[in-house]
Amino acid sequence: MLSILEPFDRPVTFGLIVLLGLVSILLIWHVHNKVKHYLKERYSLLEADLSKDPVTRLAGKDALTLQLQTECRRAIREYSPLSIIGVTLTEREPPERDVKLVSMVLKQLLHRPGDIVYRLDDTTFILLLPSTNERVLAFCERCHGELTRANITVSTKVSVCTFQPSAELNDQHVLAKLQRLIESNRRQNKEAIMSLIEQPIDPSVLHDDL
């Protein structure tokens, strides 16, 4: 009578079965990791998409804060300036059409890979411009001119801060300074562009290519 263990009496057959078992385990582990990585990527993309503004599809304050932290560290490490611009609509509840127009104009004005536009709140857009010096004022003039020509029904104001690398340069410091400048600009009846520009110490590190 044949024993059910008879095939395992042969070392070659037993070794082959063990090898096939190990290969199966490795394949399962590989597929599991692939699926896990795919699901993680999809979740990250979904999370990022849900955090975007539904009207403009721009990233919001959380994304701005994270990127600003990175850019502040980079500015200190590379000893380069950092500019940030606030574009505000003067009406507290601007028409959706105007919001979309402003978003479109601002995105079209940015050409460098590191320049990003965000929607901070209902009336405020933020442009983050790394390695940008006092020449940013010319960019602000162009920005305001393009917004004026875009046939937007509400008026806009532009507030810009340029920071030089220092120990106090961080996201909280930058946003606090910009917010105070935006509020001052809101209270002005005539000025469309208001700036706070720190003078560079070493001009050789500055970029002029806006």
C-alpha atoms as a PDB file:
ATOM      1  CA  MET A   1       0.000   0.000   0.000  1.00  0.00           C
ATOM      2  CA  LEU A   2       1.384   3.452  -1.057  1.00  0.00           C
ATOM      3  CA  SER A   3       1.963   5.982   1.648  1.00  0.00           C
ATOM      4  CA  ILE A   4       0.774   9.573   1.054  1.00  0.00           C
ATOM      5  CA  LEU A   5       4.245  10.630   2.185  1.00  0.00           C
ATOM      6  CA  GLU A   6       5.963   8.452  -0.399  1.00  0.00           C
ATOM      7  CA  PRO A   7       6.751  11.368  -2.786  1.00  0.00           C
ATOM      8  CA  PHE A   8       8.545  13.182   0.026  1.00  0.00           C
ATOM      9  CA  ASP A   9      10.886  10.252   0.450  1.00  0.00           C
ATOM     10  CA  ARG A  10      12.672  11.529  -2.599  1.00  0.00           C
ATOM     11  CA  PRO A  11      14.956  14.448  -1.688  1.00  0.00           C
ATOM     12  CA  VAL A  12      14.731  16.062  -5.148  1.00  0.00           C
ATOM     13  CA  THR A  13      10.931  16.136  -5.139  1.00  0.00           C
ATOM     14  CA  PHE A  14      10.792  17.475  -1.613  1.00  0.00           C
ATOM     15  CA  GLY A  15      13.325  20.177  -2.405  1.00  0.00           C
ATOM     16  CA  LEU A  16      11.332  21.233  -5.456  1.00  0.00           C
ATOM     17  CA  ILE A  17       8.145  21.524  -3.428  1.00  0.00           C
ATOM     18  CA  VAL A  18       9.922  23.637  -0.807  1.00  0.00           C
ATOM     19  CA  LEU A  19      11.370  25.847  -3.572  1.00  0.00           C
ATOM     20  CA  LEU A  20       7.938  26.303  -5.175  1.00  0.00           C
ATOM     21  CA  GLY A  21       6.512  27.196  -1.770  1.00  0.00           C
ATOM     22  CA  LEU A  22       9.164  29.841  -1.195  1.00  0.00           C
ATOM     23  CA  VAL A  23       8.640  31.288  -4.664  1.00  0.00           C
ATOM     24  CA  SER A  24       4.902  31.460  -4.023  1.00  0.00           C
ATOM     25  CA  ILE A  25       5.465  33.260  -0.733  1.00  0.00           C
ATOM     26  CA  LEU A  26       7.826  35.751  -2.410  1.00  0.00           C
ATOM     27  CA  LEU A  27       5.339  36.390  -5.217  1.00  0.00           C
ATOM     28  CA  ILE A  28       2.513  36.966  -2.753  1.00  0.00           C
ATOM     29  CA  TRP A  29       4.718  39.333  -0.731  1.00  0.00           C
ATOM     30  CA  HIS A  30       5.744  41.208  -3.908  1.00  0.00           C
ATOM     31  CA  VAL A  31       2.132  41.567  -5.095  1.00  0.00           C
ATOM     32  CA  HIS A  32       1.039  42.656  -1.622  1.00  0.00           C
ATOM     33  CA  ASN A  33       3.690  45.407  -1.552  1.00  0.00           C
ATOM     34  CA  LYS A  34       2.748  46.526  -5.073  1.00  0.00           C
ATOM     35  CA  VAL A  35      -0.930  46.774  -4.146  1.00  0.00           C
ATOM     36  CA  LYS A  36      -0.087  48.542  -0.871  1.00  0.00           C
ATOM     37  CA  HIS A  37       2.107  51.082  -2.704  1.00  0.00           C
ATOM     38  CA  TYR A  38      -0.563  51.660  -5.358  1.00  0.00           C
ATOM     39  CA  LEU A  39      -3.295  52.206  -2.784  1.00  0.00           C
ATOM     40  CA  LYS A  40      -1.051  54.592  -0.821  1.00  0.00           C
ATOM     41  CA  GLU A  41      -0.382  56.629  -3.965  1.00  0.00           C
ATOM     42  CA  ARG A  42      -4.066  56.736  -4.873  1.00  0.00           C
ATOM     43  CA  TYR A  43      -4.982  57.801  -1.343  1.00  0.00           C
ATOM     44  CA  SER A  44      -2.377  60.583  -1.423  1.00  0.00           C
ATOM     45  CA  LEU A  45      -3.670  61.812  -4.760  1.00  0.00           C
ATOM     46  CA  LEU A  46      -7.260  61.700  -3.525  1.00  0.00           C
ATOM     47  CA  GLU A  47      -6.327  63.520  -0.321  1.00  0.00           C
ATOM     48  CA  ALA A  48      -4.469  66.188  -2.308  1.00  0.00           C
ATOM     49  CA  ASP A  49      -7.378  66.550  -4.708  1.00  0.00           C
ATOM     50  CA  LEU A  50      -9.912  66.933  -1.892  1.00  0.00           C
ATOM     51  CA  SER A  51      -7.777  69.662  -0.290  1.00  0.00           C
ATOM     52  CA  LYS A  52      -7.877  71.772  -3.458  1.00  0.00           C
ATOM     53  CA  ASP A  53     -10.231  74.671  -3.864  1.00  0.00           C
ATOM     54  CA  PRO A  54     -13.314  73.363  -5.758  1.00  0.00           C
ATOM     55  CA  VAL A  55     -13.704  76.552  -7.832  1.00  0.00           C
ATOM     56  CA  THR A  56     -10.121  77.153  -8.990  1.00  0.00           C
ATOM     57  CA  ARG A  57      -8.554  73.712  -8.371  1.00  0.00           C
ATOM     58  CA  LEU A  58      -5.700  75.506  -6.603  1.00  0.00           C
ATOM     59  CA  ALA A  59      -4.070  74.180  -3.444  1.00  0.00           C
ATOM     60  CA  GLY A  60      -4.978  75.926  -0.203  1.00  0.00           C
ATOM     61  CA  LYS A  61      -3.440  77.116   3.052  1.00  0.00           C
ATOM     62  CA  ASP A  62      -2.163  73.728   4.272  1.00  0.00           C
ATOM     63  CA  ALA A  63      -0.212  73.131   1.059  1.00  0.00           C
ATOM     64  CA  LEU A  64       1.093  76.713   1.149  1.00  0.00           C
ATOM     65  CA  THR A  65       2.339  76.310   4.726  1.00  0.00           C
ATOM     66  CA  LEU A  66       4.192  73.084   3.923  1.00  0.00           C
ATOM     67  CA  GLN A  67       5.806  74.505   0.787  1.00  0.00           C
ATOM     68  CA  LEU A  68       6.684  77.742   2.556  1.00  0.00           C
ATOM     69  CA  GLN A  69       8.490  75.803   5.281  1.00  0.00           C
ATOM     70  CA  THR A  70      10.552  74.089   2.588  1.00  0.00           C
ATOM     71  CA  GLU A  71      11.308  77.338   0.748  1.00  0.00           C
ATOM     72  CA  CYS A  72      12.342  79.150   3.942  1.00  0.00           C
ATOM     73  CA  ARG A  73      14.840  76.396   4.754  1.00  0.00           C
ATOM     74  CA  ARG A  74      16.102  76.471   1.172  1.00  0.00           C
ATOM     75  CA  ALA A  75      16.480  80.268   1.244  1.00  0.00           C
ATOM     76  CA  ILE A  76      18.614  80.074   4.393  1.00  0.00           C
ATOM     77  CA  ARG A  77      20.655  77.124   3.118  1.00  0.00           C
ATOM     78  CA  GLU A  78      21.308  78.633  -0.319  1.00  0.00           C
ATOM     79  CA  TYR A  79      21.452  82.223   0.932  1.00  0.00           C
ATOM     80  CA  SER A  80      18.813  83.392  -1.533  1.00  0.00           C
ATOM     81  CA  PRO A  81      15.803  85.732  -1.208  1.00  0.00           C
ATOM     82  CA  LEU A  82      12.162  84.692  -1.040  1.00  0.00           C
ATOM     83  CA  SER A  83       9.199  86.704  -2.296  1.00  0.00           C
ATOM     84  CA  ILE A  84       5.528  86.143  -1.565  1.00  0.00           C
ATOM     85  CA  ILE A  85       2.627  88.047  -3.121  1.00  0.00           C
ATOM     86  CA  GLY A  86      -0.937  88.410  -1.909  1.00  0.00           C
ATOM     87  CA  VAL A  87      -3.563  89.244  -4.539  1.00  0.00           C
ATOM     88  CA  THR A  88      -6.840  90.264  -2.919  1.00  0.00           C
ATOM     89  CA  LEU A  89     -10.302  90.930  -4.308  1.00  0.00           C
ATOM     90  CA  THR A  90     -11.939  93.936  -2.664  1.00  0.00           C
ATOM     91  CA  GLU A  91     -15.400  92.345  -2.331  1.00  0.00           C
ATOM     92  CA  ARG A  92     -15.936  89.896   0.526  1.00  0.00           C
ATOM     93  CA  GLU A  93     -18.028  87.586  -1.672  1.00  0.00           C
ATOM     94  CA  PRO A  94     -16.622  87.997  -5.192  1.00  0.00           C
ATOM     95  CA  PRO A  95     -18.479  86.421  -8.136  1.00  0.00           C
ATOM     96  CA  GLU A  96     -17.292  82.941  -9.059  1.00  0.00           C
ATOM     97  CA  ARG A  97     -16.540  84.181 -12.571  1.00  0.00           C
ATOM     98  CA  ASP A  98     -14.080  86.740 -11.206  1.00  0.00           C
ATOM     99  CA  VAL A  99     -12.435  84.177  -8.930  1.00  0.00           C
ATOM    100  CA  LYS A 100     -11.841  81.860 -11.895  1.00  0.00           C
ATOM    101  CA  LEU A 101     -10.498  84.725 -14.017  1.00  0.00           C
ATOM    102  CA  VAL A 102      -8.025  85.777 -11.327  1.00  0.00           C
ATOM    103  CA  SER A 103      -6.861  82.192 -10.920  1.00  0.00           C
ATOM    104  CA  MET A 104      -6.356  81.812 -14.675  1.00  0.00           C
ATOM    105  CA  VAL A 105      -4.437  85.089 -15.022  1.00  0.00           C
ATOM    106  CA  LEU A 106      -2.127  84.319 -12.089  1.00  0.00           C
ATOM    107  CA  LYS A 107      -1.342  80.821 -13.335  1.00  0.00           C
ATOM    108  CA  GLN A 108      -0.502  82.176 -16.788  1.00  0.00           C
ATOM    109  CA  LEU A 109       1.911  84.713 -15.299  1.00  0.00           C
ATOM    110  CA  LEU A 110       4.066  82.064 -13.621  1.00  0.00           C
ATOM    111  CA  HIS A 111       6.717  80.438 -15.806  1.00  0.00           C
ATOM    112  CA  ARG A 112       9.434  79.119 -13.495  1.00  0.00           C
ATOM    113  CA  PRO A 113       9.063  75.590 -12.038  1.00  0.00           C
ATOM    114  CA  GLY A 114       9.275  76.709  -8.393  1.00  0.00           C
ATOM    115  CA  ASP A 115       6.679  79.491  -8.648  1.00  0.00           C
ATOM    116  CA  ILE A 116       3.271  78.420  -7.310  1.00  0.00           C
ATOM    117  CA  VAL A 117      -0.134  80.076  -6.835  1.00  0.00           C
ATOM    118  CA  TYR A 118      -2.492  79.157  -3.979  1.00  0.00           C
ATOM    119  CA  ARG A 119      -5.971  80.223  -2.911  1.00  0.00           C
ATOM    120  CA  LEU A 120      -5.705  81.256   0.723  1.00  0.00           C
ATOM    121  CA  ASP A 121      -9.368  82.143   1.289  1.00  0.00           C
ATOM    122  CA  ASP A 122     -12.429  83.511  -0.532  1.00  0.00           C
ATOM    123  CA  THR A 123     -10.765  86.812  -1.437  1.00  0.00           C
ATOM    124  CA  THR A 124      -7.010  86.124  -1.316  1.00  0.00           C
ATOM    125  CA  PHE A 125      -4.594  84.396  -3.667  1.00  0.00           C
ATOM    126  CA  ILE A 126      -0.938  83.799  -2.772  1.00  0.00           C
ATOM    127  CA  LEU A 127       1.989  83.584  -5.182  1.00  0.00           C
ATOM    128  CA  LEU A 128       5.144  82.001  -3.797  1.00  0.00           C
ATOM    129  CA  LEU A 129       8.286  83.078  -5.677  1.00  0.00           C
ATOM    130  CA  PRO A 130      11.578  81.576  -4.454  1.00  0.00           C
ATOM    131  CA  SER A 131      14.927  83.196  -5.329  1.00  0.00           C
ATOM    132  CA  THR A 132      13.293  86.488  -6.282  1.00  0.00           C
ATOM    133  CA  ASN A 133      14.608  89.914  -5.317  1.00  0.00           C
ATOM    134  CA  GLU A 134      13.319  93.486  -5.384  1.00  0.00           C
ATOM    135  CA  ARG A 135      12.670  93.201  -9.133  1.00  0.00           C
ATOM    136  CA  VAL A 136       9.487  91.469  -8.050  1.00  0.00           C
ATOM    137  CA  LEU A 137       7.893  94.935  -8.079  1.00  0.00           C
ATOM    138  CA  ALA A 138       8.013  94.934 -11.873  1.00  0.00           C
ATOM    139  CA  PHE A 139       6.280  91.560 -11.804  1.00  0.00           C
ATOM    140  CA  CYS A 140       3.590  92.963  -9.492  1.00  0.00           C
ATOM    141  CA  GLU A 141       2.976  95.836 -11.921  1.00  0.00           C
ATOM    142  CA  ARG A 142       2.554  93.351 -14.739  1.00  0.00           C
ATOM    143  CA  CYS A 143       0.336  91.161 -12.572  1.00  0.00           C
ATOM    144  CA  HIS A 144      -1.971  94.056 -11.675  1.00  0.00           C
ATOM    145  CA  GLY A 145      -2.059  95.214 -15.292  1.00  0.00           C
ATOM    146  CA  GLU A 146      -3.083  91.765 -16.532  1.00  0.00           C
ATOM    147  CA  LEU A 147      -5.808  91.515 -13.890  1.00  0.00           C
ATOM    148  CA  THR A 148      -7.144  94.927 -14.904  1.00  0.00           C
ATOM    149  CA  ARG A 149      -7.247  93.909 -18.578  1.00  0.00           C
ATOM    150  CA  ALA A 150      -8.994  90.620 -17.746  1.00  0.00           C
ATOM    151  CA  ASN A 151     -12.339  92.409 -17.402  1.00  0.00           C
ATOM    152  CA  ILE A 152     -12.784  91.429 -13.748  1.00  0.00           C
ATOM    153  CA  THR A 153     -15.793  93.180 -12.233  1.00  0.00           C
ATOM    154  CA  VAL A 154     -14.228  93.711  -8.793  1.00  0.00           C
ATOM    155  CA  SER A 155     -10.999  95.596  -8.154  1.00  0.00           C
ATOM    156  CA  THR A 156      -7.830  93.840  -7.014  1.00  0.00           C
ATOM    157  CA  LYS A 157      -4.924  94.795  -4.789  1.00  0.00           C
ATOM    158  CA  VAL A 158      -1.419  93.377  -4.783  1.00  0.00           C
ATOM    159  CA  SER A 159       0.747  93.126  -1.660  1.00  0.00           C
ATOM    160  CA  VAL A 160       4.301  91.799  -1.869  1.00  0.00           C
ATOM    161  CA  CYS A 161       6.993  90.937   0.679  1.00  0.00           C
ATOM    162  CA  THR A 162      10.570  90.021  -0.177  1.00  0.00           C
ATOM    163  CA  PHE A 163      12.661  88.414   2.561  1.00  0.00           C
ATOM    164  CA  GLN A 164      16.409  87.944   2.781  1.00  0.00           C
ATOM    165  CA  PRO A 165      17.810  84.805   4.466  1.00  0.00           C
ATOM    166  CA  SER A 166      18.015  85.186   8.237  1.00  0.00           C
ATOM    167  CA  ALA A 167      17.564  83.197  11.432  1.00  0.00           C
ATOM    168  CA  GLU A 168      13.969  84.427  11.842  1.00  0.00           C
ATOM    169  CA  LEU A 169      12.893  83.381   8.347  1.00  0.00           C
ATOM    170  CA  ASN A 170      10.144  80.783   8.727  1.00  0.00           C
ATOM    171  CA  ASP A 171       6.604  80.227   7.483  1.00  0.00           C
ATOM    172  CA  GLN A 172       4.921  81.928  10.469  1.00  0.00           C
ATOM    173  CA  HIS A 173       7.106  85.022  10.183  1.00  0.00           C
ATOM    174  CA  VAL A 174       6.498  85.292   6.420  1.00  0.00           C
ATOM    175  CA  LEU A 175       2.724  84.824   6.589  1.00  0.00           C
ATOM    176  CA  ALA A 176       2.348  87.215   9.530  1.00  0.00           C
ATOM    177  CA  LYS A 177       4.259  89.963   7.703  1.00  0.00           C
ATOM    178  CA  LEU A 178       2.298  89.413   4.512  1.00  0.00           C
ATOM    179  CA  GLN A 179      -1.050  89.374   6.329  1.00  0.00           C
ATOM    180  CA  ARG A 180      -0.292  92.705   8.009  1.00  0.00           C
ATOM    181  CA  LEU A 181       0.681  94.191   4.657  1.00  0.00           C
ATOM    182  CA  ILE A 182      -2.506  92.867   3.029  1.00  0.00           C
ATOM    183  CA  GLU A 183      -4.626  94.426   5.781  1.00  0.00           C
ATOM    184  CA  SER A 184      -2.826  97.759   5.385  1.00  0.00           C
ATOM    185  CA  ASN A 185      -3.399  97.608   1.638  1.00  0.00           C
ATOM    186  CA  ARG A 186      -7.095  96.879   2.154  1.00  0.00           C
ATOM    187  CA  ARG A 187      -7.474 100.081   4.148  1.00  0.00           C
ATOM    188  CA  GLN A 188      -5.851 102.186   1.439  1.00  0.00           C
ATOM    189  CA  ASN A 189      -8.289 103.769  -1.017  1.00  0.00           C
ATOM    190  CA  LYS A 190      -5.843 104.551  -3.789  1.00  0.00           C
ATOM    191  CA  GLU A 191      -2.786 102.283  -3.651  1.00  0.00           C
ATOM    192  CA  ALA A 192      -3.200  99.138  -5.738  1.00  0.00           C
ATOM    193  CA  ILE A 193       0.282  97.760  -5.003  1.00  0.00           C
ATOM    194  CA  MET A 194       1.972  97.816  -1.600  1.00  0.00           C
ATOM    195  CA  SER A 195       5.387  96.338  -0.858  1.00  0.00           C
ATOM    196  CA  LEU A 196       7.741  95.439   1.960  1.00  0.00           C
ATOM    197  CA  ILE A 197      11.154  94.724   0.453  1.00  0.00           C
ATOM    198  CA  GLU A 198      14.225  93.716   2.430  1.00  0.00           C
ATOM    199  CA  GLN A 199      17.379  94.840   0.629  1.00  0.00           C
ATOM    200  CA  PRO A 200      19.753  92.091  -0.538  1.00  0.00           C
ATOM    201  CA  ILE A 201      23.169  91.719   0.998  1.00  0.00           C
ATOM    202  CA  ASP A 202      24.781  89.733  -1.799  1.00  0.00           C
ATOM    203  CA  PRO A 203      23.236  90.573  -5.221  1.00  0.00           C
ATOM    204  CA  SER A 204      25.121  87.758  -6.961  1.00  0.00           C
ATOM    205  CA  VAL A 205      22.688  85.139  -5.651  1.00  0.00           C
ATOM    206  CA  LEU A 206      19.572  86.875  -6.954  1.00  0.00           C
ATOM    207  CA  HIS A 207      17.488  85.879  -9.961  1.00  0.00           C
ATOM    208  CA  ASP A 208      16.115  88.475 -12.383  1.00  0.00           C
ATOM    209  CA  ASP A 209      14.284  86.175 -14.775  1.00  0.00           C
ATOM    210  CA  LEU A 210      10.641  86.817 -13.841  1.00  0.00           C
END
